[in-house]
Amino acid sequence: MSTKHTPGPWSIWTSNSYRRIGSDAPRGGEVLCGSVQRDGCADLYFPNGGYEGPDARLVTAAPDLLASLRTTVSMLQGTLLIITDKDARAMAKEAIAEARAAIAKATGEKA
């Protein structure tokens, strides 16, 4: 079983009337989570290791990762008050901007 998740960025796209989550490569890219029918019921399919594989683990960890990222942004905002080194301050501001963009992508809010 692979230990690496499907590289991002990811998006939701439709193929043959089925929605899938996959990489943003041209025309859908690599599927990390597709939909299938099992015994007449909709189910999810993770080709990269199944329900315990790296893609499934990353998807299920998303709420925890989002919470952690919000905490990190708050912490970095606080450190801006005491960082005096110009380069370190710029790096912290860049990290905050990237984190806010990721949070906005996850929540649908503005960055």
PDB file of N, CA and C in Angstrom:
ATOM      1  N   MET A   1       0.841  -1.176   0.000  1.00  0.00           N
ATOM      2  CA  MET A   1       0.000   0.000   0.000  1.00  0.00           C
ATOM      3  C   MET A   1       0.889   1.242   0.000  1.00  0.00           C
ATOM      4  N   SER A   2       0.524   2.208  -0.801  1.00  0.00           N
ATOM      5  CA  SER A   2       1.271   3.453  -0.893  1.00  0.00           C
ATOM      6  C   SER A   2       1.068   4.284   0.375  1.00  0.00           C
ATOM      7  N   THR A   3       2.091   4.996   0.773  1.00  0.00           N
ATOM      8  CA  THR A   3       1.971   5.856   1.949  1.00  0.00           C
ATOM      9  C   THR A   3       1.837   7.318   1.558  1.00  0.00           C
ATOM     10  N   LYS A   4       1.830   7.619   0.278  1.00  0.00           N
ATOM     11  CA  LYS A   4       1.732   9.004  -0.177  1.00  0.00           C
ATOM     12  C   LYS A   4       0.335   9.288  -0.714  1.00  0.00           C
ATOM     13  N   HIS A   5      -0.184  10.464  -0.346  1.00  0.00           N
ATOM     14  CA  HIS A   5      -1.496  10.843  -0.863  1.00  0.00           C
ATOM     15  C   HIS A   5      -1.365  11.393  -2.287  1.00  0.00           C
ATOM     16  N   THR A   6      -2.486  11.476  -2.973  1.00  0.00           N
ATOM     17  CA  THR A   6      -2.523  12.035  -4.323  1.00  0.00           C
ATOM     18  C   THR A   6      -2.151  13.510  -4.254  1.00  0.00           C
ATOM     19  N   PRO A   7      -1.194  13.939  -5.064  1.00  0.00           N
ATOM     20  CA  PRO A   7      -0.773  15.344  -5.018  1.00  0.00           C
ATOM     21  C   PRO A   7      -1.921  16.292  -5.373  1.00  0.00           C
ATOM     22  N   GLY A   8      -1.935  17.435  -4.760  1.00  0.00           N
ATOM     23  CA  GLY A   8      -2.941  18.463  -5.045  1.00  0.00           C
ATOM     24  C   GLY A   8      -2.435  19.419  -6.094  1.00  0.00           C
ATOM     25  N   PRO A   9      -3.174  20.421  -6.414  1.00  0.00           N
ATOM     26  CA  PRO A   9      -4.474  20.721  -5.831  1.00  0.00           C
ATOM     27  C   PRO A   9      -5.544  19.746  -6.309  1.00  0.00           C
ATOM     28  N   TRP A  10      -6.615  19.645  -5.516  1.00  0.00           N
ATOM     29  CA  TRP A  10      -7.727  18.758  -5.836  1.00  0.00           C
ATOM     30  C   TRP A  10      -8.953  19.584  -6.194  1.00  0.00           C
ATOM     31  N   SER A  11      -9.866  18.964  -6.916  1.00  0.00           N
ATOM     32  CA  SER A  11     -11.160  19.583  -7.186  1.00  0.00           C
ATOM     33  C   SER A  11     -12.192  18.478  -7.337  1.00  0.00           C
ATOM     34  N   ILE A  12     -13.453  18.888  -7.344  1.00  0.00           N
ATOM     35  CA  ILE A  12     -14.543  17.956  -7.611  1.00  0.00           C
ATOM     36  C   ILE A  12     -14.930  18.135  -9.066  1.00  0.00           C
ATOM     37  N   TRP A  13     -15.009  17.054  -9.794  1.00  0.00           N
ATOM     38  CA  TRP A  13     -15.377  17.106 -11.208  1.00  0.00           C
ATOM     39  C   TRP A  13     -16.306  15.952 -11.537  1.00  0.00           C
ATOM     40  N   THR A  14     -16.961  16.054 -12.678  1.00  0.00           N
ATOM     41  CA  THR A  14     -17.939  15.056 -13.084  1.00  0.00           C
ATOM     42  C   THR A  14     -17.448  14.330 -14.319  1.00  0.00           C
ATOM     43  N   SER A  15     -17.613  13.027 -14.319  1.00  0.00           N
ATOM     44  CA  SER A  15     -17.292  12.198 -15.470  1.00  0.00           C
ATOM     45  C   SER A  15     -18.361  11.115 -15.565  1.00  0.00           C
ATOM     46  N   ASN A  16     -18.961  10.997 -16.716  1.00  0.00           N
ATOM     47  CA  ASN A  16     -20.029  10.008 -16.912  1.00  0.00           C
ATOM     48  C   ASN A  16     -21.128  10.132 -15.852  1.00  0.00           C
ATOM     49  N   SER A  17     -21.472  11.366 -15.512  1.00  0.00           N
ATOM     50  CA  SER A  17     -22.523  11.686 -14.537  1.00  0.00           C
ATOM     51  C   SER A  17     -22.180  11.301 -13.104  1.00  0.00           C
ATOM     52  N   TYR A  18     -20.948  10.910 -12.830  1.00  0.00           N
ATOM     53  CA  TYR A  18     -20.520  10.597 -11.471  1.00  0.00           C
ATOM     54  C   TYR A  18     -19.538  11.662 -10.998  1.00  0.00           C
ATOM     55  N   ARG A  19     -19.738  12.154  -9.782  1.00  0.00           N
ATOM     56  CA  ARG A  19     -18.804  13.124  -9.225  1.00  0.00           C
ATOM     57  C   ARG A  19     -17.619  12.390  -8.615  1.00  0.00           C
ATOM     58  N   ARG A  20     -16.464  13.010  -8.786  1.00  0.00           N
ATOM     59  CA  ARG A  20     -15.236  12.439  -8.249  1.00  0.00           C
ATOM     60  C   ARG A  20     -14.411  13.566  -7.630  1.00  0.00           C
ATOM     61  N   ILE A  21     -13.566  13.217  -6.697  1.00  0.00           N
ATOM     62  CA  ILE A  21     -12.555  14.145  -6.199  1.00  0.00           C
ATOM     63  C   ILE A  21     -11.253  13.667  -6.808  1.00  0.00           C
ATOM     64  N   GLY A  22     -10.512  14.589  -7.400  1.00  0.00           N
ATOM     65  CA  GLY A  22      -9.265  14.204  -8.039  1.00  0.00           C
ATOM     66  C   GLY A  22      -8.311  15.363  -8.158  1.00  0.00           C
ATOM     67  N   SER A  23      -7.150  15.064  -8.690  1.00  0.00           N
ATOM     68  CA  SER A  23      -6.154  16.111  -8.888  1.00  0.00           C
ATOM     69  C   SER A  23      -6.626  17.045  -9.995  1.00  0.00           C
ATOM     70  N   ASP A  24      -6.085  18.246  -9.991  1.00  0.00           N
ATOM     71  CA  ASP A  24      -6.489  19.251 -10.970  1.00  0.00           C
ATOM     72  C   ASP A  24      -5.747  19.118 -12.294  1.00  0.00           C
ATOM     73  N   ALA A  25      -5.207  17.964 -12.589  1.00  0.00           N
ATOM     74  CA  ALA A  25      -4.538  17.755 -13.879  1.00  0.00           C
ATOM     75  C   ALA A  25      -5.572  17.921 -14.995  1.00  0.00           C
ATOM     76  N   PRO A  26      -5.116  18.159 -16.230  1.00  0.00           N
ATOM     77  CA  PRO A  26      -6.065  18.349 -17.329  1.00  0.00           C
ATOM     78  C   PRO A  26      -7.098  17.225 -17.403  1.00  0.00           C
ATOM     79  N   ARG A  27      -8.323  17.606 -17.610  1.00  0.00           N
ATOM     80  CA  ARG A  27      -9.484  16.712 -17.739  1.00  0.00           C
ATOM     81  C   ARG A  27      -9.613  15.722 -16.589  1.00  0.00           C
ATOM     82  N   GLY A  28      -9.608  16.288 -15.416  1.00  0.00           N
ATOM     83  CA  GLY A  28      -9.902  15.465 -14.260  1.00  0.00           C
ATOM     84  C   GLY A  28      -8.704  14.936 -13.521  1.00  0.00           C
ATOM     85  N   GLY A  29      -7.678  14.535 -14.231  1.00  0.00           N
ATOM     86  CA  GLY A  29      -6.490  14.046 -13.543  1.00  0.00           C
ATOM     87  C   GLY A  29      -6.730  12.738 -12.831  1.00  0.00           C
ATOM     88  N   GLU A  30      -5.930  12.496 -11.816  1.00  0.00           N
ATOM     89  CA  GLU A  30      -5.980  11.247 -11.062  1.00  0.00           C
ATOM     90  C   GLU A  30      -7.134  11.284 -10.059  1.00  0.00           C
ATOM     91  N   VAL A  31      -7.941  10.222 -10.050  1.00  0.00           N
ATOM     92  CA  VAL A  31      -9.067  10.142  -9.118  1.00  0.00           C
ATOM     93  C   VAL A  31      -8.551   9.701  -7.753  1.00  0.00           C
ATOM     94  N   LEU A  32      -8.899  10.463  -6.717  1.00  0.00           N
ATOM     95  CA  LEU A  32      -8.549  10.018  -5.377  1.00  0.00           C
ATOM     96  C   LEU A  32      -9.775   9.509  -4.650  1.00  0.00           C
ATOM     97  N   CYS A  33     -10.955   9.927  -5.059  1.00  0.00           N
ATOM     98  CA  CYS A  33     -12.177   9.389  -4.469  1.00  0.00           C
ATOM     99  C   CYS A  33     -13.284   9.452  -5.508  1.00  0.00           C
ATOM    100  N   GLY A  34     -13.723   8.303  -5.943  1.00  0.00           N
ATOM    101  CA  GLY A  34     -14.813   8.218  -6.899  1.00  0.00           C
ATOM    102  C   GLY A  34     -16.031   7.597  -6.251  1.00  0.00           C
ATOM    103  N   SER A  35     -17.130   7.637  -6.964  1.00  0.00           N
ATOM    104  CA  SER A  35     -18.347   7.021  -6.451  1.00  0.00           C
ATOM    105  C   SER A  35     -18.603   5.725  -7.204  1.00  0.00           C
ATOM    106  N   VAL A  36     -19.102   4.749  -6.499  1.00  0.00           N
ATOM    107  CA  VAL A  36     -19.423   3.451  -7.092  1.00  0.00           C
ATOM    108  C   VAL A  36     -20.745   2.978  -6.503  1.00  0.00           C
ATOM    109  N   GLN A  37     -21.307   1.954  -7.103  1.00  0.00           N
ATOM    110  CA  GLN A  37     -22.518   1.324  -6.591  1.00  0.00           C
ATOM    111  C   GLN A  37     -22.150  -0.023  -5.982  1.00  0.00           C
ATOM    112  N   ARG A  38     -22.592  -0.258  -4.769  1.00  0.00           N
ATOM    113  CA  ARG A  38     -22.403  -1.548  -4.113  1.00  0.00           C
ATOM    114  C   ARG A  38     -23.767  -1.994  -3.594  1.00  0.00           C
ATOM    115  N   ASP A  39     -24.234  -3.091  -4.108  1.00  0.00           N
ATOM    116  CA  ASP A  39     -25.540  -3.619  -3.707  1.00  0.00           C
ATOM    117  C   ASP A  39     -26.640  -2.581  -3.874  1.00  0.00           C
ATOM    118  N   GLY A  40     -26.552  -1.784  -4.946  1.00  0.00           N
ATOM    119  CA  GLY A  40     -27.572  -0.782  -5.229  1.00  0.00           C
ATOM    120  C   GLY A  40     -27.462   0.484  -4.425  1.00  0.00           C
ATOM    121  N   CYS A  41     -26.420   0.628  -3.615  1.00  0.00           N
ATOM    122  CA  CYS A  41     -26.235   1.823  -2.786  1.00  0.00           C
ATOM    123  C   CYS A  41     -24.972   2.560  -3.219  1.00  0.00           C
ATOM    124  N   ALA A  42     -25.042   3.867  -3.104  1.00  0.00           N
ATOM    125  CA  ALA A  42     -23.863   4.672  -3.429  1.00  0.00           C
ATOM    126  C   ALA A  42     -22.770   4.418  -2.402  1.00  0.00           C
ATOM    127  N   ASP A  43     -21.532   4.391  -2.875  1.00  0.00           N
ATOM    128  CA  ASP A  43     -20.386   4.161  -1.998  1.00  0.00           C
ATOM    129  C   ASP A  43     -19.230   4.997  -2.526  1.00  0.00           C
ATOM    130  N   LEU A  44     -18.200   5.151  -1.721  1.00  0.00           N
ATOM    131  CA  LEU A  44     -16.989   5.870  -2.118  1.00  0.00           C
ATOM    132  C   LEU A  44     -15.905   4.863  -2.470  1.00  0.00           C
ATOM    133  N   TYR A  45     -15.055   5.255  -3.405  1.00  0.00           N
ATOM    134  CA  TYR A  45     -13.963   4.385  -3.823  1.00  0.00           C
ATOM    135  C   TYR A  45     -12.656   5.167  -3.770  1.00  0.00           C
ATOM    136  N   PHE A  46     -11.704   4.702  -2.982  1.00  0.00           N
ATOM    137  CA  PHE A  46     -10.375   5.311  -2.881  1.00  0.00           C
ATOM    138  C   PHE A  46      -9.368   4.346  -3.508  1.00  0.00           C
ATOM    139  N   PRO A  47      -8.937   4.594  -4.755  1.00  0.00           N
ATOM    140  CA  PRO A  47      -8.006   3.671  -5.400  1.00  0.00           C
ATOM    141  C   PRO A  47      -6.636   3.610  -4.742  1.00  0.00           C
ATOM    142  N   ASN A  48      -6.270   4.625  -3.984  1.00  0.00           N
ATOM    143  CA  ASN A  48      -4.952   4.694  -3.359  1.00  0.00           C
ATOM    144  C   ASN A  48      -5.000   4.106  -1.947  1.00  0.00           C
ATOM    145  N   GLY A  49      -5.207   2.796  -1.837  1.00  0.00           N
ATOM    146  CA  GLY A  49      -5.165   2.151  -0.534  1.00  0.00           C
ATOM    147  C   GLY A  49      -6.499   1.935   0.132  1.00  0.00           C
ATOM    148  N   GLY A  50      -7.588   2.222  -0.535  1.00  0.00           N
ATOM    149  CA  GLY A  50      -8.899   1.983   0.049  1.00  0.00           C
ATOM    150  C   GLY A  50      -9.219   2.929   1.189  1.00  0.00           C
ATOM    151  N   TYR A  51     -10.112   2.494   2.065  1.00  0.00           N
ATOM    152  CA  TYR A  51     -10.610   3.349   3.139  1.00  0.00           C
ATOM    153  C   TYR A  51      -9.592   3.614   4.233  1.00  0.00           C
ATOM    154  N   GLU A  52      -8.498   2.881   4.242  1.00  0.00           N
ATOM    155  CA  GLU A  52      -7.444   3.133   5.211  1.00  0.00           C
ATOM    156  C   GLU A  52      -6.176   3.651   4.539  1.00  0.00           C
ATOM    157  N   GLY A  53      -6.273   3.985   3.259  1.00  0.00           N
ATOM    158  CA  GLY A  53      -5.128   4.479   2.501  1.00  0.00           C
ATOM    159  C   GLY A  53      -4.856   5.951   2.764  1.00  0.00           C
ATOM    160  N   PRO A  54      -3.786   6.468   2.180  1.00  0.00           N
ATOM    161  CA  PRO A  54      -3.369   7.843   2.460  1.00  0.00           C
ATOM    162  C   PRO A  54      -4.379   8.904   2.035  1.00  0.00           C
ATOM    163  N   ASP A  55      -5.080   8.707   0.915  1.00  0.00           N
ATOM    164  CA  ASP A  55      -6.068   9.708   0.498  1.00  0.00           C
ATOM    165  C   ASP A  55      -7.250   9.741   1.460  1.00  0.00           C
ATOM    166  N   ALA A  56      -7.754   8.574   1.853  1.00  0.00           N
ATOM    167  CA  ALA A  56      -8.876   8.511   2.791  1.00  0.00           C
ATOM    168  C   ALA A  56      -8.487   9.106   4.142  1.00  0.00           C
ATOM    169  N   ARG A  57      -7.277   8.817   4.602  1.00  0.00           N
ATOM    170  CA  ARG A  57      -6.818   9.382   5.882  1.00  0.00           C
ATOM    171  C   ARG A  57      -6.745  10.899   5.811  1.00  0.00           C
ATOM    172  N   LEU A  58      -6.248  11.423   4.695  1.00  0.00           N
ATOM    173  CA  LEU A  58      -6.139  12.870   4.549  1.00  0.00           C
ATOM    174  C   LEU A  58      -7.521  13.523   4.517  1.00  0.00           C
ATOM    175  N   VAL A  59      -8.455  12.926   3.808  1.00  0.00           N
ATOM    176  CA  VAL A  59      -9.814  13.469   3.747  1.00  0.00           C
ATOM    177  C   VAL A  59     -10.440  13.483   5.142  1.00  0.00           C
ATOM    178  N   THR A  60     -10.306  12.389   5.880  1.00  0.00           N
ATOM    179  CA  THR A  60     -10.928  12.330   7.203  1.00  0.00           C
ATOM    180  C   THR A  60     -10.200  13.195   8.229  1.00  0.00           C
ATOM    181  N   ALA A  61      -8.950  13.523   7.981  1.00  0.00           N
ATOM    182  CA  ALA A  61      -8.195  14.394   8.882  1.00  0.00           C
ATOM    183  C   ALA A  61      -8.450  15.875   8.612  1.00  0.00           C
ATOM    184  N   ALA A  62      -9.136  16.197   7.526  1.00  0.00           N
ATOM    185  CA  ALA A  62      -9.325  17.595   7.122  1.00  0.00           C
ATOM    186  C   ALA A  62      -9.888  18.489   8.230  1.00  0.00           C
ATOM    187  N   PRO A  63     -10.914  18.087   8.975  1.00  0.00           N
ATOM    188  CA  PRO A  63     -11.408  18.976  10.038  1.00  0.00           C
ATOM    189  C   PRO A  63     -10.353  19.281  11.101  1.00  0.00           C
ATOM    190  N   ASP A  64      -9.557  18.275  11.459  1.00  0.00           N
ATOM    191  CA  ASP A  64      -8.491  18.495  12.444  1.00  0.00           C
ATOM    192  C   ASP A  64      -7.412  19.410  11.878  1.00  0.00           C
ATOM    193  N   LEU A  65      -7.079  19.209  10.617  1.00  0.00           N
ATOM    194  CA  LEU A  65      -6.073  20.048   9.977  1.00  0.00           C
ATOM    195  C   LEU A  65      -6.539  21.501   9.902  1.00  0.00           C
ATOM    196  N   LEU A  66      -7.822  21.701   9.596  1.00  0.00           N
ATOM    197  CA  LEU A  66      -8.376  23.053   9.534  1.00  0.00           C
ATOM    198  C   LEU A  66      -8.316  23.728  10.896  1.00  0.00           C
ATOM    199  N   ALA A  67      -8.705  23.019  11.932  1.00  0.00           N
ATOM    200  CA  ALA A  67      -8.650  23.578  13.287  1.00  0.00           C
ATOM    201  C   ALA A  67      -7.218  23.936  13.670  1.00  0.00           C
ATOM    202  N   SER A  68      -6.285  23.055  13.348  1.00  0.00           N
ATOM    203  CA  SER A  68      -4.883  23.304  13.656  1.00  0.00           C
ATOM    204  C   SER A  68      -4.352  24.515  12.884  1.00  0.00           C
ATOM    205  N   LEU A  69      -4.766  24.646  11.641  1.00  0.00           N
ATOM    206  CA  LEU A  69      -4.317  25.780  10.830  1.00  0.00           C
ATOM    207  C   LEU A  69      -4.849  27.092  11.388  1.00  0.00           C
ATOM    208  N   ARG A  70      -6.090  27.086  11.847  1.00  0.00           N
ATOM    209  CA  ARG A  70      -6.644  28.298  12.471  1.00  0.00           C
ATOM    210  C   ARG A  70      -5.868  28.674  13.728  1.00  0.00           C
ATOM    211  N   THR A  71      -5.515  27.688  14.526  1.00  0.00           N
ATOM    212  CA  THR A  71      -4.722  27.938  15.729  1.00  0.00           C
ATOM    213  C   THR A  71      -3.348  28.494  15.359  1.00  0.00           C
ATOM    214  N   THR A  72      -2.750  27.936  14.334  1.00  0.00           N
ATOM    215  CA  THR A  72      -1.435  28.384  13.878  1.00  0.00           C
ATOM    216  C   THR A  72      -1.482  29.825  13.393  1.00  0.00           C
ATOM    217  N   VAL A  73      -2.524  30.194  12.663  1.00  0.00           N
ATOM    218  CA  VAL A  73      -2.665  31.579  12.197  1.00  0.00           C
ATOM    219  C   VAL A  73      -2.756  32.525  13.396  1.00  0.00           C
ATOM    220  N   SER A  74      -3.556  32.156  14.385  1.00  0.00           N
ATOM    221  CA  SER A  74      -3.675  33.002  15.577  1.00  0.00           C
ATOM    222  C   SER A  74      -2.333  33.163  16.278  1.00  0.00           C
ATOM    223  N   MET A  75      -1.608  32.059  16.384  1.00  0.00           N
ATOM    224  CA  MET A  75      -0.309  32.104  17.042  1.00  0.00           C
ATOM    225  C   MET A  75       0.677  32.972  16.254  1.00  0.00           C
ATOM    226  N   LEU A  76       0.707  32.796  14.943  1.00  0.00           N
ATOM    227  CA  LEU A  76       1.626  33.596  14.125  1.00  0.00           C
ATOM    228  C   LEU A  76       1.264  35.077  14.168  1.00  0.00           C
ATOM    229  N   GLN A  77      -0.034  35.374  14.204  1.00  0.00           N
ATOM    230  CA  GLN A  77      -0.456  36.780  14.323  1.00  0.00           C
ATOM    231  C   GLN A  77       0.111  37.391  15.598  1.00  0.00           C
ATOM    232  N   GLY A  78       0.074  36.630  16.675  1.00  0.00           N
ATOM    233  CA  GLY A  78       0.612  37.112  17.939  1.00  0.00           C
ATOM    234  C   GLY A  78       2.114  37.326  17.899  1.00  0.00           C
ATOM    235  N   THR A  79       2.820  36.465  17.183  1.00  0.00           N
ATOM    236  CA  THR A  79       4.278  36.610  17.132  1.00  0.00           C
ATOM    237  C   THR A  79       4.706  37.798  16.281  1.00  0.00           C
ATOM    238  N   LEU A  80       3.832  38.259  15.386  1.00  0.00           N
ATOM    239  CA  LEU A  80       4.192  39.435  14.576  1.00  0.00           C
ATOM    240  C   LEU A  80       4.473  40.647  15.463  1.00  0.00           C
ATOM    241  N   LEU A  81       3.865  40.675  16.634  1.00  0.00           N
ATOM    242  CA  LEU A  81       4.057  41.795  17.550  1.00  0.00           C
ATOM    243  C   LEU A  81       5.468  41.835  18.132  1.00  0.00           C
ATOM    244  N   ILE A  82       6.142  40.671  18.166  1.00  0.00           N
ATOM    245  CA  ILE A  82       7.461  40.637  18.798  1.00  0.00           C
ATOM    246  C   ILE A  82       8.604  40.342  17.822  1.00  0.00           C
ATOM    247  N   ILE A  83       8.284  39.966  16.579  1.00  0.00           N
ATOM    248  CA  ILE A  83       9.345  39.684  15.602  1.00  0.00           C
ATOM    249  C   ILE A  83       9.931  41.000  15.122  1.00  0.00           C
ATOM    250  N   THR A  84      11.234  41.151  15.309  1.00  0.00           N
ATOM    251  CA  THR A  84      11.893  42.383  14.879  1.00  0.00           C
ATOM    252  C   THR A  84      12.708  42.181  13.600  1.00  0.00           C
ATOM    253  N   ASP A  85      13.128  40.938  13.337  1.00  0.00           N
ATOM    254  CA  ASP A  85      13.899  40.665  12.129  1.00  0.00           C
ATOM    255  C   ASP A  85      12.996  40.816  10.904  1.00  0.00           C
ATOM    256  N   LYS A  86      13.431  41.644   9.963  1.00  0.00           N
ATOM    257  CA  LYS A  86      12.633  41.971   8.777  1.00  0.00           C
ATOM    258  C   LYS A  86      12.313  40.726   7.948  1.00  0.00           C
ATOM    259  N   ASP A  87      13.301  39.861   7.726  1.00  0.00           N
ATOM    260  CA  ASP A  87      13.083  38.658   6.923  1.00  0.00           C
ATOM    261  C   ASP A  87      12.149  37.675   7.627  1.00  0.00           C
ATOM    262  N   ALA A  88      12.341  37.493   8.920  1.00  0.00           N
ATOM    263  CA  ALA A  88      11.482  36.581   9.690  1.00  0.00           C
ATOM    264  C   ALA A  88      10.046  37.091   9.711  1.00  0.00           C
ATOM    265  N   ARG A  89       9.895  38.399   9.826  1.00  0.00           N
ATOM    266  CA  ARG A  89       8.557  39.007   9.817  1.00  0.00           C
ATOM    267  C   ARG A  89       7.883  38.795   8.469  1.00  0.00           C
ATOM    268  N   ALA A  90       8.630  38.956   7.389  1.00  0.00           N
ATOM    269  CA  ALA A  90       8.080  38.740   6.039  1.00  0.00           C
ATOM    270  C   ALA A  90       7.668  37.286   5.849  1.00  0.00           C
ATOM    271  N   MET A  91       8.500  36.366   6.347  1.00  0.00           N
ATOM    272  CA  MET A  91       8.169  34.940   6.237  1.00  0.00           C
ATOM    273  C   MET A  91       6.900  34.611   7.027  1.00  0.00           C
ATOM    274  N   ALA A  92       6.764  35.183   8.208  1.00  0.00           N
ATOM    275  CA  ALA A  92       5.571  34.942   9.024  1.00  0.00           C
ATOM    276  C   ALA A  92       4.328  35.490   8.330  1.00  0.00           C
ATOM    277  N   LYS A  93       4.442  36.673   7.747  1.00  0.00           N
ATOM    278  CA  LYS A  93       3.304  37.260   7.023  1.00  0.00           C
ATOM    279  C   LYS A  93       2.917  36.412   5.816  1.00  0.00           C
ATOM    280  N   GLU A  94       3.912  35.879   5.117  1.00  0.00           N
ATOM    281  CA  GLU A  94       3.641  35.015   3.971  1.00  0.00           C
ATOM    282  C   GLU A  94       2.962  33.715   4.416  1.00  0.00           C
ATOM    283  N   ALA A  95       3.437  33.147   5.524  1.00  0.00           N
ATOM    284  CA  ALA A  95       2.832  31.917   6.057  1.00  0.00           C
ATOM    285  C   ALA A  95       1.385  32.173   6.470  1.00  0.00           C
ATOM    286  N   ILE A  96       1.120  33.317   7.071  1.00  0.00           N
ATOM    287  CA  ILE A  96      -0.246  33.666   7.473  1.00  0.00           C
ATOM    288  C   ILE A  96      -1.136  33.801   6.244  1.00  0.00           C
ATOM    289  N   ALA A  97      -0.641  34.469   5.206  1.00  0.00           N
ATOM    290  CA  ALA A  97      -1.430  34.649   3.985  1.00  0.00           C
ATOM    291  C   ALA A  97      -1.744  33.304   3.328  1.00  0.00           C
ATOM    292  N   GLU A  98      -0.752  32.409   3.276  1.00  0.00           N
ATOM    293  CA  GLU A  98      -0.973  31.083   2.687  1.00  0.00           C
ATOM    294  C   GLU A  98      -1.973  30.279   3.506  1.00  0.00           C
ATOM    295  N   ALA A  99      -1.851  30.351   4.813  1.00  0.00           N
ATOM    296  CA  ALA A  99      -2.771  29.619   5.690  1.00  0.00           C
ATOM    297  C   ALA A  99      -4.191  30.161   5.550  1.00  0.00           C
ATOM    298  N   ARG A 100      -4.325  31.481   5.497  1.00  0.00           N
ATOM    299  CA  ARG A 100      -5.652  32.083   5.335  1.00  0.00           C
ATOM    300  C   ARG A 100      -6.271  31.685   3.997  1.00  0.00           C
ATOM    301  N   ALA A 101      -5.449  31.602   2.953  1.00  0.00           N
ATOM    302  CA  ALA A 101      -5.960  31.177   1.640  1.00  0.00           C
ATOM    303  C   ALA A 101      -6.455  29.729   1.700  1.00  0.00           C
ATOM    304  N   ALA A 102      -5.724  28.873   2.394  1.00  0.00           N
ATOM    305  CA  ALA A 102      -6.140  27.474   2.533  1.00  0.00           C
ATOM    306  C   ALA A 102      -7.425  27.372   3.355  1.00  0.00           C
ATOM    307  N   ILE A 103      -7.524  28.156   4.413  1.00  0.00           N
ATOM    308  CA  ILE A 103      -8.735  28.173   5.234  1.00  0.00           C
ATOM    309  C   ILE A 103      -9.927  28.650   4.409  1.00  0.00           C
ATOM    310  N   ALA A 104      -9.722  29.695   3.625  1.00  0.00           N
ATOM    311  CA  ALA A 104     -10.791  30.216   2.773  1.00  0.00           C
ATOM    312  C   ALA A 104     -11.236  29.173   1.747  1.00  0.00           C
ATOM    313  N   LYS A 105     -10.289  28.453   1.186  1.00  0.00           N
ATOM    314  CA  LYS A 105     -10.619  27.391   0.223  1.00  0.00           C
ATOM    315  C   LYS A 105     -11.459  26.299   0.886  1.00  0.00           C
ATOM    316  N   ALA A 106     -11.110  25.965   2.128  1.00  0.00           N
ATOM    317  CA  ALA A 106     -11.822  24.909   2.845  1.00  0.00           C
ATOM    318  C   ALA A 106     -13.207  25.335   3.312  1.00  0.00           C
ATOM    319  N   THR A 107     -13.363  26.601   3.630  1.00  0.00           N
ATOM    320  CA  THR A 107     -14.616  27.070   4.233  1.00  0.00           C
ATOM    321  C   THR A 107     -15.508  27.848   3.281  1.00  0.00           C
ATOM    322  N   GLY A 108     -14.960  28.286   2.159  1.00  0.00           N
ATOM    323  CA  GLY A 108     -15.731  29.100   1.231  1.00  0.00           C
ATOM    324  C   GLY A 108     -15.766  30.570   1.626  1.00  0.00           C
ATOM    325  N   GLU A 109     -15.000  30.920   2.655  1.00  0.00           N
ATOM    326  CA  GLU A 109     -14.930  32.305   3.111  1.00  0.00           C
ATOM    327  C   GLU A 109     -13.879  33.061   2.304  1.00  0.00           C
ATOM    328  N   LYS A 110     -13.863  34.371   2.461  1.00  0.00           N
ATOM    329  CA  LYS A 110     -12.826  35.176   1.821  1.00  0.00           C
ATOM    330  C   LYS A 110     -11.552  35.113   2.635  1.00  0.00           C
ATOM    331  N   ALA A 111     -10.410  35.142   1.934  1.00  0.00           N
ATOM    332  CA  ALA A 111      -9.105  35.070   2.606  1.00  0.00           C
ATOM    333  C   ALA A 111      -8.799  36.367   3.326  1.00  0.00           C
TER     334      ALA A 111
END
